Amino acid sequence: MINNFYKKYLIAILVSISILYPYTGLAGGFDYNQSSLQAFYFFYDINIDGIPISDEDWVGAFITRNGEDICIGSKRWDTTLCGGGVCEVPVMGFDINSAGYTDGYIMDGESPSFKIFDISEKIIYDAIPSSNEAWYNLGMTVINTLSSSTVFKNIPASYQYNGSISASVYNDDIVSEEDYLIALVNNELRGIVKGDVFPVTGNVVFDLMIHSNQSNGEMVSFVYHDADEVKNHDISNQIEFVTNMILGDGLSPIELFTISFATVPGCTEINACNYNIEATENDGSCIYAEENYDCDGNCLLELDCNYECGGNAEVDQCGVCGGNNECLSINSDNVAFYNKFIQAYPNPFNPEINIRIFSEKSEQISITVYDISGQKVDEVYKGNLGVGYYDFVWGRDIQTSGNYFIHYTNSNGQFVTKVNLIK
């Protein structure tokens, strides 16, 4: 039992130490911010698979917020520097007066979780205390043991079938023989192996045994552990487990890609003109077709006589696009369209139509036919004409039914009449 005077004295010393050593310099996220509210958790024994951790290893306290572990204290476990060989982990609490520095830190009544950083293996293990003790400010909690098990334990004994792969991993950073490849089925561990340098190629290869209680059909996913970063990377590939499978070898290993390495920037919007089926990350480059057009610039609606996609302009009976029939005059010869400059009859027609034009003066004119999409179909005439009426016949070689526009161009402008071929 610690008397109050000794407890206050000890707390003062421990707080001073925690202020001096909040930064570990480790890659595994064991740094924390100092808080004016803190407590201390003492452990008599900390082990991995029953073996005491070394004086180079670290123990960290964490609290989980929104699925993310936040380090709230850590200490290198050198028992030669601790009183009586019993070391403590400082655990920082949330301080409302330290906005931004202790956000999400532990509060009264909550229990921290713990992790062990095995420096020699460069692996962080989740650790289980022999009792879960709630945090309170200036608390001094004593727990007997903090234990962890390596992921190697009892994998083969639990499963009936196995198969193997030899794989190479592609990551943004260099893959080393200190790294690990882990096999999972529905987040359940099915195999783990450390990298090994294949002597012929000098490349790191992971010879991984995968275990299952189903002879086939289970989908195996993978995680790559980067020992230098002390960080796990999800692998984008999956394979189907088949008992006794042997996939790849040292010379030709199967290729596994971390998601960060396998990220392919591009347009991921399926309705965009430049949609990239292989892209995994939208880079903002998507290009979309204009309204009423496809990605090749083709109008998806009917063109009007002004060639506006989806427009509503129509050729009047005088052959003027958007006109008001000012020149209209109807005769008794069943002429569908009659005006000063162009006549086209009969309309509809099959197989040919008569085109009569009027030239006011000697000049160069042209008579051209376009289809409904605006594509030029035929040039009936182009050349010089004197004053008078001229007759042309067109359509006998046209096989496709539909609407056509006959354009008569002279020095007065362009005159258009719409005709319909019915086959």
Protein backbone atom coordinates (compact mmCIF):
# COMPACT_ATOMS: atom_id res chain seq x y z
CA MET A 1 0.00 0.00 0.00
CA ILE A 2 1.51 3.34 -1.05
CA ASN A 3 1.02 6.11 1.52
CA ASN A 4 -0.29 9.45 0.26
CA PHE A 5 2.99 11.34 0.81
CA TYR A 6 5.05 8.76 -1.08
CA LYS A 7 2.38 8.56 -3.79
CA LYS A 8 2.45 12.33 -4.37
CA TYR A 9 6.25 12.28 -4.43
CA LEU A 10 6.33 9.37 -6.90
CA ILE A 11 3.72 10.94 -9.15
CA ALA A 12 5.75 14.15 -9.30
CA ILE A 13 8.82 12.18 -10.42
CA LEU A 14 6.87 10.15 -13.00
CA VAL A 15 5.19 13.24 -14.44
CA SER A 16 8.59 14.86 -14.85
CA ILE A 17 9.90 11.80 -16.70
CA SER A 18 6.84 11.63 -18.98
CA ILE A 19 7.36 15.30 -19.88
CA LEU A 20 10.98 14.61 -20.83
CA TYR A 21 10.24 11.54 -23.02
CA PRO A 22 6.99 11.93 -24.99
CA TYR A 23 8.70 11.41 -28.36
CA THR A 24 9.94 7.94 -29.27
CA GLY A 25 11.23 8.51 -32.81
CA LEU A 26 9.67 5.15 -33.75
CA ALA A 27 7.93 4.55 -37.06
CA GLY A 28 5.04 2.67 -35.53
CA GLY A 29 3.05 5.56 -34.09
CA PHE A 30 4.18 5.37 -30.45
CA ASP A 31 4.61 9.15 -30.06
CA TYR A 32 2.10 11.05 -27.97
CA ASN A 33 1.38 14.57 -26.74
CA GLN A 34 1.91 15.62 -23.17
CA SER A 35 -1.17 16.33 -21.06
CA SER A 36 -1.61 17.89 -17.64
CA LEU A 37 -4.00 15.01 -16.87
CA GLN A 38 -2.26 11.65 -16.66
CA ALA A 39 -2.08 8.34 -14.89
CA PHE A 40 0.44 5.48 -14.67
CA TYR A 41 0.00 1.74 -15.31
CA PHE A 42 2.61 -0.56 -13.68
CA PHE A 43 3.27 -4.10 -14.96
CA TYR A 44 5.22 -6.83 -13.17
CA ASP A 45 5.62 -8.96 -16.30
CA ILE A 46 5.33 -8.21 -20.01
CA ASN A 47 5.89 -11.07 -22.48
CA ILE A 48 5.41 -12.31 -26.02
CA ASP A 49 4.58 -16.02 -26.18
CA GLY A 50 5.65 -16.24 -22.53
CA ILE A 51 9.10 -14.77 -23.21
CA PRO A 52 9.86 -11.47 -21.44
CA ILE A 53 10.33 -8.60 -23.86
CA SER A 54 13.79 -7.11 -24.25
CA ASP A 55 15.00 -3.79 -22.89
CA GLU A 56 14.92 -2.41 -26.46
CA ASP A 57 11.19 -3.06 -26.87
CA TRP A 58 8.47 -0.51 -26.26
CA VAL A 59 5.04 -0.66 -24.64
CA GLY A 60 2.35 1.77 -25.73
CA ALA A 61 -1.09 2.70 -24.41
CA PHE A 62 -3.86 3.43 -26.89
CA ILE A 63 -7.49 4.51 -27.05
CA THR A 64 -9.70 3.79 -30.07
CA ARG A 65 -11.69 6.64 -31.61
CA ASN A 66 -13.75 6.19 -34.79
CA GLY A 67 -11.94 2.95 -35.56
CA GLU A 68 -8.49 4.50 -35.24
CA ASP A 69 -5.99 3.79 -32.45
CA ILE A 70 -4.54 6.92 -30.83
CA CYS A 71 -1.31 6.60 -28.85
CA ILE A 72 -1.80 8.17 -25.42
CA GLY A 73 1.48 7.08 -23.82
CA SER A 74 4.48 4.83 -24.35
CA LYS A 75 7.73 3.77 -22.75
CA ARG A 76 10.84 1.79 -23.63
CA TRP A 77 10.76 -1.27 -21.35
CA ASP A 78 14.24 -1.13 -19.82
CA THR A 79 13.59 -2.56 -16.37
CA THR A 80 17.12 -1.69 -15.21
CA LEU A 81 15.98 1.92 -15.15
CA CYS A 82 12.80 1.22 -13.17
CA GLY A 83 12.49 0.97 -9.45
CA GLY A 84 12.53 -2.68 -8.36
CA GLY A 85 12.38 -3.82 -11.98
CA VAL A 86 8.72 -2.76 -12.24
CA CYS A 87 8.16 -0.19 -15.01
CA GLU A 88 5.18 1.98 -15.73
CA VAL A 89 3.44 3.32 -18.86
CA PRO A 90 2.34 6.96 -18.66
CA VAL A 91 -1.22 7.34 -19.98
CA MET A 92 -2.34 10.83 -20.98
CA GLY A 93 -5.91 12.07 -20.51
CA PHE A 94 -8.03 14.54 -22.41
CA ASP A 95 -7.39 18.10 -21.23
CA ILE A 96 -10.00 20.62 -22.34
CA ASN A 97 -7.39 23.36 -21.91
CA SER A 98 -5.03 21.69 -24.40
CA ALA A 99 -7.20 22.04 -27.50
CA GLY A 100 -5.77 20.21 -30.48
CA TYR A 101 -3.05 18.41 -28.50
CA THR A 102 -5.09 15.92 -26.48
CA ASP A 103 -8.21 15.60 -28.65
CA GLY A 104 -9.60 12.07 -28.40
CA TYR A 105 -7.40 11.14 -25.42
CA ILE A 106 -8.71 8.90 -22.64
CA MET A 107 -11.27 10.14 -20.11
CA ASP A 108 -12.35 9.06 -16.63
CA GLY A 109 -13.82 5.56 -16.52
CA GLU A 110 -12.37 4.39 -19.86
CA SER A 111 -9.79 1.60 -20.10
CA PRO A 112 -6.75 1.86 -22.38
CA SER A 113 -5.54 -0.90 -24.66
CA PHE A 114 -1.86 -1.79 -24.99
CA LYS A 115 0.59 -2.74 -27.72
CA ILE A 116 4.14 -4.10 -27.70
CA PHE A 117 6.68 -2.92 -30.26
CA ASP A 118 9.14 -5.77 -30.86
CA ILE A 119 12.18 -3.81 -32.04
CA SER A 120 14.15 -6.84 -33.24
CA GLU A 121 11.30 -8.09 -35.46
CA LYS A 122 9.93 -4.62 -36.26
CA ILE A 123 6.41 -5.84 -35.52
CA ILE A 124 3.75 -4.32 -33.31
CA TYR A 125 1.64 -6.84 -31.36
CA ASP A 126 -1.67 -6.25 -29.62
CA ALA A 127 -1.24 -7.09 -25.94
CA ILE A 128 -3.77 -8.23 -23.36
CA PRO A 129 -3.52 -7.12 -19.69
CA SER A 130 -4.40 -9.63 -16.99
CA SER A 131 -7.08 -7.16 -15.87
CA ASN A 132 -8.75 -4.17 -17.48
CA GLU A 133 -8.45 -1.18 -15.22
CA ALA A 134 -10.25 2.13 -15.69
CA TRP A 135 -8.25 5.34 -16.08
CA TYR A 136 -8.54 8.29 -13.70
CA ASN A 137 -6.34 11.34 -13.35
CA LEU A 138 -3.19 10.80 -11.24
CA GLY A 139 -4.08 7.12 -10.92
CA MET A 140 -1.36 4.56 -10.17
CA THR A 141 -2.67 1.21 -11.36
CA VAL A 142 -0.76 -2.04 -10.87
CA ILE A 143 -1.43 -4.97 -13.23
CA ASN A 144 0.31 -8.33 -12.97
CA THR A 145 0.93 -9.22 -16.61
CA LEU A 146 0.68 -7.88 -20.15
CA SER A 147 0.86 -10.69 -22.71
CA SER A 148 0.88 -11.09 -26.47
CA SER A 149 1.11 -14.00 -28.92
CA THR A 150 2.80 -13.99 -32.28
CA VAL A 151 0.63 -14.62 -35.32
CA PHE A 152 2.60 -17.81 -36.07
CA LYS A 153 0.97 -19.74 -33.27
CA ASN A 154 -1.14 -22.86 -33.96
CA ILE A 155 -2.00 -22.11 -37.59
CA PRO A 156 -1.27 -25.57 -39.10
CA ALA A 157 -2.90 -27.49 -36.27
CA SER A 158 -6.24 -25.74 -36.77
CA TYR A 159 -6.79 -26.57 -40.46
CA GLN A 160 -7.19 -29.70 -42.55
CA TYR A 161 -6.02 -28.54 -46.00
CA ASN A 162 -3.13 -26.46 -47.27
CA GLY A 163 -1.60 -25.08 -50.42
CA SER A 164 1.35 -22.85 -51.18
CA ILE A 165 2.30 -19.81 -53.20
CA SER A 166 5.61 -18.17 -54.05
CA ALA A 167 4.94 -14.47 -54.47
CA SER A 168 6.72 -11.20 -55.07
CA VAL A 169 5.22 -8.03 -53.65
CA TYR A 170 5.23 -4.67 -55.41
CA ASN A 171 5.05 -1.68 -53.10
CA ASP A 172 5.94 2.01 -53.31
CA ASP A 173 8.96 1.37 -51.09
CA ILE A 174 11.67 -1.28 -51.35
CA VAL A 175 10.55 -4.75 -50.26
CA SER A 176 13.07 -6.41 -47.93
CA GLU A 177 13.56 -9.86 -46.46
CA GLU A 178 12.54 -8.43 -43.07
CA ASP A 179 9.00 -7.85 -44.35
CA TYR A 180 6.04 -10.24 -44.01
CA LEU A 181 3.26 -11.50 -46.26
CA ILE A 182 0.04 -12.46 -44.46
CA ALA A 183 -2.84 -14.55 -45.87
CA LEU A 184 -6.39 -13.92 -44.64
CA VAL A 185 -9.87 -15.30 -45.26
CA ASN A 186 -12.60 -12.97 -43.99
CA ASN A 187 -9.94 -11.30 -41.80
CA GLU A 188 -9.03 -14.68 -40.27
CA LEU A 189 -5.33 -15.51 -40.34
CA ARG A 190 -4.48 -18.41 -42.71
CA GLY A 191 -0.74 -18.02 -43.11
CA ILE A 192 2.23 -15.73 -42.61
CA VAL A 193 5.82 -15.79 -43.80
CA LYS A 194 8.90 -13.61 -43.78
CA GLY A 195 10.56 -12.65 -47.05
CA ASP A 196 13.56 -14.49 -48.40
CA VAL A 197 16.06 -13.48 -51.09
CA PHE A 198 15.95 -15.92 -54.01
CA PRO A 199 19.66 -16.45 -54.83
CA VAL A 200 19.27 -16.79 -58.60
CA THR A 201 17.48 -13.47 -59.12
CA GLY A 202 18.36 -11.59 -55.94
CA ASN A 203 14.70 -10.66 -55.53
CA VAL A 204 12.68 -11.02 -52.32
CA VAL A 205 10.21 -13.91 -52.57
CA PHE A 206 7.55 -14.92 -50.05
CA ASP A 207 7.06 -18.72 -49.88
CA LEU A 208 3.72 -18.79 -48.10
CA MET A 209 1.76 -21.81 -46.88
CA ILE A 210 -1.99 -21.15 -46.80
CA HIS A 211 -4.37 -23.20 -44.65
CA SER A 212 -8.10 -23.95 -44.89
CA ASN A 213 -10.82 -26.31 -43.72
CA GLN A 214 -12.41 -26.26 -47.19
CA SER A 215 -10.78 -28.11 -50.04
CA ASN A 216 -11.50 -25.22 -52.42
CA GLY A 217 -13.57 -22.12 -53.01
CA GLU A 218 -12.40 -19.77 -50.27
CA MET A 219 -11.08 -16.40 -51.50
CA VAL A 220 -7.75 -15.51 -49.92
CA SER A 221 -6.75 -11.87 -49.46
CA PHE A 222 -3.31 -10.64 -48.44
CA VAL A 223 -1.63 -8.02 -46.29
CA TYR A 224 1.99 -6.94 -46.73
CA HIS A 225 3.82 -5.84 -43.57
CA ASP A 226 6.58 -3.29 -44.16
CA ALA A 227 9.03 -3.85 -41.31
CA ASP A 228 10.86 -0.54 -41.83
CA GLU A 229 7.65 1.50 -41.69
CA VAL A 230 6.03 -0.89 -39.19
CA LYS A 231 2.94 -0.56 -41.35
CA ASN A 232 0.50 -2.95 -43.02
CA HIS A 233 -0.53 -2.52 -46.66
CA ASP A 234 -3.56 -4.23 -48.17
CA ILE A 235 -2.87 -6.21 -51.34
CA SER A 236 -5.17 -5.57 -54.31
CA ASN A 237 -5.02 -9.21 -55.54
CA GLN A 238 -7.05 -12.17 -54.28
CA ILE A 239 -6.69 -15.84 -55.13
CA GLU A 240 -9.06 -18.81 -54.76
CA PHE A 241 -7.79 -21.48 -52.37
CA VAL A 242 -7.47 -25.00 -53.82
CA THR A 243 -6.02 -27.75 -51.66
CA ASN A 244 -2.47 -28.79 -52.59
CA MET A 245 -2.14 -25.83 -54.95
CA ILE A 246 1.38 -24.69 -55.82
CA LEU A 247 1.34 -21.25 -57.40
CA GLY A 248 4.54 -19.63 -58.62
CA ASP A 249 8.16 -20.42 -57.81
CA GLY A 250 11.37 -18.54 -57.09
CA LEU A 251 12.05 -17.83 -60.76
CA SER A 252 8.44 -16.98 -61.67
CA PRO A 253 6.62 -15.87 -58.53
CA ILE A 254 3.05 -14.68 -58.73
CA GLU A 255 2.85 -10.90 -58.55
CA LEU A 256 1.01 -9.18 -55.70
CA PHE A 257 0.46 -5.43 -55.63
CA THR A 258 -0.24 -3.23 -52.65
CA ILE A 259 -3.29 -1.01 -53.14
CA SER A 260 -1.17 2.15 -53.00
CA PHE A 261 1.20 0.74 -55.63
CA ALA A 262 -1.67 -0.55 -57.76
CA THR A 263 -3.51 2.79 -57.74
CA VAL A 264 -4.25 3.78 -61.33
CA PRO A 265 -5.32 7.41 -61.71
CA GLY A 266 -7.90 8.23 -64.35
CA CYS A 267 -11.57 8.85 -64.98
CA THR A 268 -13.76 6.42 -63.01
CA GLU A 269 -17.15 7.88 -64.08
CA ILE A 270 -18.76 5.29 -66.35
CA ASN A 271 -20.84 7.93 -68.19
CA ALA A 272 -17.80 10.02 -69.11
CA CYS A 273 -16.32 9.95 -72.61
CA ASN A 274 -12.87 9.05 -71.30
CA TYR A 275 -13.98 6.47 -68.71
CA ASN A 276 -11.02 4.23 -67.84
CA ILE A 277 -12.07 0.74 -66.77
CA GLU A 278 -8.60 0.16 -65.26
CA ALA A 279 -8.58 3.36 -63.19
CA THR A 280 -8.92 2.91 -59.43
CA GLU A 281 -8.73 6.57 -58.40
CA ASN A 282 -10.61 9.44 -60.00
CA ASP A 283 -8.11 12.16 -60.91
CA GLY A 284 -10.70 14.73 -62.03
CA SER A 285 -9.94 14.27 -65.73
CA CYS A 286 -13.43 13.09 -66.78
CA ILE A 287 -14.78 14.62 -70.01
CA TYR A 288 -18.50 14.57 -70.77
CA ALA A 289 -20.37 14.89 -74.05
CA GLU A 290 -22.34 18.07 -74.75
CA GLU A 291 -26.06 17.87 -74.19
CA ASN A 292 -27.81 16.01 -77.03
CA TYR A 293 -24.48 14.76 -78.44
CA ASP A 294 -22.53 11.54 -78.06
CA CYS A 295 -18.83 11.42 -77.22
CA ASP A 296 -17.89 11.48 -80.93
CA GLY A 297 -19.79 14.73 -81.46
CA ASN A 298 -22.73 13.07 -83.20
CA CYS A 299 -26.16 14.56 -82.60
CA LEU A 300 -28.46 12.16 -80.75
CA LEU A 301 -31.57 14.07 -81.85
CA GLU A 302 -32.85 15.28 -85.23
CA LEU A 303 -31.09 18.25 -86.82
CA ASP A 304 -33.27 21.15 -87.88
CA CYS A 305 -32.73 23.01 -91.14
CA ASN A 306 -30.15 25.25 -89.43
CA TYR A 307 -28.29 22.06 -88.47
CA GLU A 308 -28.93 22.72 -84.81
CA CYS A 309 -29.06 19.48 -82.83
CA GLY A 310 -32.56 19.18 -81.40
CA GLY A 311 -33.49 22.62 -82.80
CA ASN A 312 -37.02 23.50 -83.95
CA ALA A 313 -36.38 25.60 -87.05
CA GLU A 314 -38.27 24.35 -90.15
CA VAL A 315 -38.09 25.06 -93.84
CA ASP A 316 -41.14 27.01 -94.97
CA GLN A 317 -42.86 26.33 -98.29
CA CYS A 318 -40.68 28.95 -99.90
CA GLY A 319 -37.60 26.89 -99.10
CA VAL A 320 -36.39 29.30 -96.44
CA CYS A 321 -35.22 27.86 -93.10
CA GLY A 322 -37.21 29.57 -90.40
CA GLY A 323 -39.11 31.58 -93.03
CA ASN A 324 -42.76 32.69 -93.04
CA ASN A 325 -43.91 31.62 -96.54
CA GLU A 326 -43.71 35.15 -97.97
CA CYS A 327 -43.13 33.96 -101.51
CA LEU A 328 -45.64 31.11 -101.46
CA SER A 329 -47.85 30.55 -104.49
CA ILE A 330 -49.74 27.32 -105.14
CA ASN A 331 -50.56 26.14 -108.67
CA SER A 332 -52.78 23.30 -109.88
CA ASP A 333 -50.04 20.89 -111.04
CA ASN A 334 -49.74 19.05 -107.68
CA VAL A 335 -46.51 20.91 -106.91
CA ALA A 336 -45.81 20.54 -103.21
CA PHE A 337 -43.35 23.42 -102.92
CA TYR A 338 -43.25 26.43 -105.17
CA ASN A 339 -41.36 29.70 -104.84
CA LYS A 340 -39.52 32.24 -106.87
CA PHE A 341 -36.22 30.38 -106.86
CA ILE A 342 -36.78 26.61 -106.32
CA GLN A 343 -39.47 24.01 -106.80
CA ALA A 344 -39.27 20.31 -105.91
CA TYR A 345 -42.02 17.86 -106.88
CA PRO A 346 -43.61 15.42 -106.38
CA ASN A 347 -43.03 15.39 -102.63
CA PRO A 348 -42.92 12.76 -101.15
CA PHE A 349 -41.23 11.09 -104.11
CA ASN A 350 -40.13 7.67 -105.41
CA PRO A 351 -37.81 7.01 -107.10
CA GLU A 352 -36.85 10.55 -108.25
CA ILE A 353 -37.82 14.17 -107.81
CA ASN A 354 -37.91 17.11 -110.20
CA ILE A 355 -36.00 20.19 -109.18
CA ARG A 356 -36.73 23.51 -110.93
CA ILE A 357 -34.66 26.57 -110.14
CA PHE A 358 -34.82 30.17 -111.31
CA SER A 359 -31.70 32.17 -112.05
CA GLU A 360 -32.17 35.96 -112.08
CA LYS A 361 -28.88 36.65 -113.77
CA SER A 362 -25.89 34.96 -115.29
CA GLU A 363 -23.90 33.65 -112.35
CA GLN A 364 -22.41 30.58 -110.66
CA ILE A 365 -24.86 28.47 -108.70
CA SER A 366 -24.86 25.11 -106.89
CA ILE A 367 -27.53 22.53 -106.06
CA THR A 368 -26.52 20.21 -103.19
CA VAL A 369 -28.44 17.54 -101.25
CA TYR A 370 -27.90 16.77 -97.53
CA ASP A 371 -29.40 14.06 -95.34
CA ILE A 372 -31.07 14.60 -91.98
CA SER A 373 -27.74 14.29 -90.11
CA GLY A 374 -26.21 17.12 -92.13
CA GLN A 375 -24.01 14.85 -94.24
CA LYS A 376 -23.60 15.78 -97.89
CA VAL A 377 -25.31 13.16 -100.06
CA ASP A 378 -24.95 14.47 -103.60
CA GLU A 379 -24.08 17.51 -105.66
CA VAL A 380 -26.76 17.81 -108.36
CA TYR A 381 -25.14 20.72 -110.17
CA LYS A 382 -22.39 23.29 -109.77
CA GLY A 383 -21.53 25.78 -112.49
CA ASN A 384 -22.60 28.89 -114.39
CA LEU A 385 -26.18 29.49 -115.56
CA GLY A 386 -27.79 32.32 -117.47
CA VAL A 387 -31.11 33.98 -116.69
CA GLY A 388 -34.15 31.66 -116.68
CA TYR A 389 -35.65 28.46 -115.32
CA TYR A 390 -33.65 25.21 -115.26
CA ASP A 391 -34.84 21.66 -114.54
CA PHE A 392 -32.90 18.87 -112.85
CA VAL A 393 -33.83 15.31 -111.81
CA TRP A 394 -32.43 13.67 -108.68
CA GLY A 395 -32.88 10.61 -106.47
CA ARG A 396 -32.89 7.52 -108.66
CA ASP A 397 -29.64 6.17 -107.12
CA ILE A 398 -30.65 6.89 -103.53
CA GLN A 399 -31.63 3.74 -101.62
CA THR A 400 -32.38 5.05 -98.11
CA SER A 401 -35.84 6.37 -97.29
CA GLY A 402 -36.07 9.54 -95.23
CA ASN A 403 -35.90 13.28 -95.27
CA TYR A 404 -33.43 15.19 -97.43
CA PHE A 405 -32.62 18.90 -97.81
CA ILE A 406 -32.01 20.38 -101.25
CA HIS A 407 -29.86 23.50 -101.06
CA TYR A 408 -29.90 26.00 -103.96
CA THR A 409 -27.16 28.60 -103.61
CA ASN A 410 -26.85 31.74 -105.74
CA SER A 411 -25.79 35.35 -105.24
CA ASN A 412 -29.01 36.07 -103.36
CA GLY A 413 -28.19 33.48 -100.69
CA GLN A 414 -29.08 29.89 -99.94
CA PHE A 415 -32.56 28.44 -100.38
CA VAL A 416 -33.52 25.10 -98.84
CA THR A 417 -36.42 22.79 -99.47
CA LYS A 418 -37.18 19.64 -97.52
CA VAL A 419 -38.24 16.53 -99.45
CA ASN A 420 -39.12 13.01 -98.42
CA LEU A 421 -38.09 9.80 -100.21
CA ILE A 422 -40.39 6.84 -99.60
CA LYS A 423 -39.17 3.45 -100.83
